[in-house]
Amino acid sequence: MSDRYFALLERHQKLDERLRLMQRVRSADPHEIVRLKKLKLALKDQLSRLLRRPARG
């Protein structure tokens, strides 16, 4: 798999971790939580597209 895939995967995991932490905090900004969820979903879509793309070579 490509470096791009692993970079996106790492970013997705960091967002997931941050999101879980924010959801535990009572005073967390609900708008920020929604924004993080959208970012995480967008990254998941990018990862999925990379996996579906035929391998070069």
N, C-alpha and C. Protein backbone atom coordinates (compact mmCIF):
# COMPACT_ATOMS: atom_id res chain seq x y z
N MET A 1 0.83 -1.18 0.00
CA MET A 1 0.00 0.00 0.00
C MET A 1 0.87 1.24 0.00
N SER A 2 0.30 2.33 -0.42
CA SER A 2 1.07 3.54 -0.63
C SER A 2 1.30 4.34 0.66
N ASP A 3 2.26 5.23 0.58
CA ASP A 3 2.53 6.14 1.70
C ASP A 3 1.31 7.01 1.97
N ARG A 4 0.62 7.39 0.89
CA ARG A 4 -0.58 8.22 1.03
C ARG A 4 -1.65 7.49 1.84
N TYR A 5 -1.82 6.21 1.57
CA TYR A 5 -2.81 5.41 2.29
C TYR A 5 -2.48 5.39 3.78
N PHE A 6 -1.23 5.13 4.11
CA PHE A 6 -0.84 5.05 5.51
C PHE A 6 -0.95 6.41 6.21
N ALA A 7 -0.65 7.50 5.49
CA ALA A 7 -0.79 8.84 6.07
C ALA A 7 -2.26 9.13 6.37
N LEU A 8 -3.13 8.77 5.42
CA LEU A 8 -4.57 8.97 5.64
C LEU A 8 -5.07 8.10 6.79
N LEU A 9 -4.60 6.87 6.85
CA LEU A 9 -5.01 5.96 7.91
C LEU A 9 -4.57 6.49 9.28
N GLU A 10 -3.36 7.00 9.35
CA GLU A 10 -2.86 7.56 10.61
C GLU A 10 -3.69 8.78 11.02
N ARG A 11 -4.01 9.63 10.06
CA ARG A 11 -4.83 10.81 10.36
C ARG A 11 -6.23 10.39 10.83
N HIS A 12 -6.78 9.37 10.20
CA HIS A 12 -8.10 8.85 10.58
C HIS A 12 -8.07 8.34 12.02
N GLN A 13 -7.03 7.62 12.37
CA GLN A 13 -6.91 7.07 13.72
C GLN A 13 -6.76 8.18 14.76
N LYS A 14 -6.01 9.23 14.43
CA LYS A 14 -5.84 10.34 15.35
C LYS A 14 -7.16 11.09 15.55
N LEU A 15 -7.90 11.27 14.46
CA LEU A 15 -9.22 11.90 14.58
C LEU A 15 -10.14 11.06 15.44
N ASP A 16 -10.10 9.76 15.25
CA ASP A 16 -10.94 8.85 16.02
C ASP A 16 -10.61 8.96 17.51
N GLU A 17 -9.34 9.00 17.83
CA GLU A 17 -8.92 9.12 19.22
C GLU A 17 -9.37 10.45 19.82
N ARG A 18 -9.18 11.52 19.07
CA ARG A 18 -9.59 12.85 19.54
C ARG A 18 -11.10 12.92 19.73
N LEU A 19 -11.83 12.32 18.81
CA LEU A 19 -13.28 12.31 18.89
C LEU A 19 -13.76 11.56 20.12
N ARG A 20 -13.17 10.42 20.39
CA ARG A 20 -13.54 9.65 21.59
C ARG A 20 -13.28 10.43 22.87
N LEU A 21 -12.16 11.13 22.91
CA LEU A 21 -11.84 11.94 24.09
C LEU A 21 -12.86 13.07 24.26
N MET A 22 -13.20 13.73 23.18
CA MET A 22 -14.15 14.83 23.25
C MET A 22 -15.54 14.36 23.67
N GLN A 23 -15.93 13.19 23.24
CA GLN A 23 -17.26 12.68 23.57
C GLN A 23 -17.36 12.33 25.05
N ARG A 24 -16.24 12.11 25.71
CA ARG A 24 -16.26 11.82 27.14
C ARG A 24 -16.39 13.08 27.98
N VAL A 25 -15.98 14.20 27.42
CA VAL A 25 -15.99 15.48 28.14
C VAL A 25 -17.38 16.10 28.04
N ARG A 26 -17.91 16.43 29.17
CA ARG A 26 -19.27 16.98 29.21
C ARG A 26 -19.36 18.35 28.55
N SER A 27 -18.31 19.14 28.68
CA SER A 27 -18.34 20.50 28.16
C SER A 27 -17.84 20.61 26.72
N ALA A 28 -17.70 19.49 26.04
CA ALA A 28 -17.19 19.50 24.67
C ALA A 28 -18.17 20.22 23.74
N ASP A 29 -17.61 20.92 22.78
CA ASP A 29 -18.41 21.66 21.80
C ASP A 29 -19.07 20.68 20.83
N PRO A 30 -20.40 20.63 20.80
CA PRO A 30 -21.08 19.68 19.91
C PRO A 30 -20.81 19.96 18.43
N HIS A 31 -20.58 21.22 18.10
CA HIS A 31 -20.27 21.56 16.70
C HIS A 31 -18.90 21.02 16.29
N GLU A 32 -17.97 21.06 17.22
CA GLU A 32 -16.63 20.50 16.94
C GLU A 32 -16.71 18.99 16.78
N ILE A 33 -17.54 18.35 17.57
CA ILE A 33 -17.71 16.89 17.45
C ILE A 33 -18.28 16.54 16.08
N VAL A 34 -19.27 17.29 15.63
CA VAL A 34 -19.85 17.05 14.30
C VAL A 34 -18.80 17.28 13.21
N ARG A 35 -18.00 18.34 13.36
CA ARG A 35 -16.95 18.64 12.38
C ARG A 35 -15.94 17.50 12.31
N LEU A 36 -15.54 16.98 13.47
CA LEU A 36 -14.58 15.88 13.50
C LEU A 36 -15.16 14.62 12.87
N LYS A 37 -16.44 14.36 13.12
CA LYS A 37 -17.08 13.19 12.53
C LYS A 37 -17.11 13.29 11.01
N LYS A 38 -17.38 14.49 10.50
CA LYS A 38 -17.40 14.69 9.05
C LYS A 38 -16.01 14.50 8.45
N LEU A 39 -15.00 15.03 9.14
CA LEU A 39 -13.62 14.86 8.67
C LEU A 39 -13.24 13.38 8.65
N LYS A 40 -13.61 12.69 9.70
CA LYS A 40 -13.29 11.26 9.81
C LYS A 40 -13.97 10.47 8.68
N LEU A 41 -15.22 10.81 8.40
CA LEU A 41 -15.94 10.14 7.32
C LEU A 41 -15.31 10.44 5.97
N ALA A 42 -14.88 11.68 5.75
CA ALA A 42 -14.23 12.04 4.50
C ALA A 42 -12.93 11.26 4.32
N LEU A 43 -12.18 11.11 5.40
CA LEU A 43 -10.94 10.33 5.33
C LEU A 43 -11.23 8.87 5.04
N LYS A 44 -12.29 8.35 5.64
CA LYS A 44 -12.67 6.96 5.39
C LYS A 44 -13.03 6.76 3.92
N ASP A 45 -13.73 7.72 3.34
CA ASP A 45 -14.07 7.65 1.92
C ASP A 45 -12.83 7.68 1.04
N GLN A 46 -11.87 8.52 1.40
CA GLN A 46 -10.62 8.59 0.63
C GLN A 46 -9.87 7.26 0.72
N LEU A 47 -9.82 6.68 1.90
CA LEU A 47 -9.16 5.39 2.08
C LEU A 47 -9.84 4.31 1.24
N SER A 48 -11.14 4.33 1.23
CA SER A 48 -11.90 3.36 0.46
C SER A 48 -11.62 3.50 -1.03
N ARG A 49 -11.57 4.74 -1.52
CA ARG A 49 -11.27 4.97 -2.94
C ARG A 49 -9.88 4.48 -3.30
N LEU A 50 -8.93 4.69 -2.39
CA LEU A 50 -7.55 4.22 -2.66
C LEU A 50 -7.49 2.71 -2.76
N LEU A 51 -8.27 2.02 -1.94
CA LEU A 51 -8.27 0.56 -1.96
C LEU A 51 -8.92 0.02 -3.22
N ARG A 52 -9.92 0.73 -3.73
CA ARG A 52 -10.62 0.27 -4.93
C ARG A 52 -9.85 0.53 -6.22
N ARG A 53 -8.92 1.45 -6.17
CA ARG A 53 -8.15 1.82 -7.35
C ARG A 53 -7.23 0.65 -7.74
N PRO A 54 -7.19 0.31 -9.03
CA PRO A 54 -6.31 -0.81 -9.44
C PRO A 54 -4.84 -0.49 -9.18
N ALA A 55 -4.10 -1.50 -8.82
CA ALA A 55 -2.68 -1.33 -8.53
C ALA A 55 -1.92 -1.02 -9.80
N ARG A 56 -0.93 -0.16 -9.68
CA ARG A 56 -0.10 0.20 -10.84
C ARG A 56 1.06 -0.79 -10.93
N GLY A 57 1.47 -1.04 -12.15
CA GLY A 57 2.66 -1.86 -12.27
C GLY A 57 2.50 -3.02 -13.07
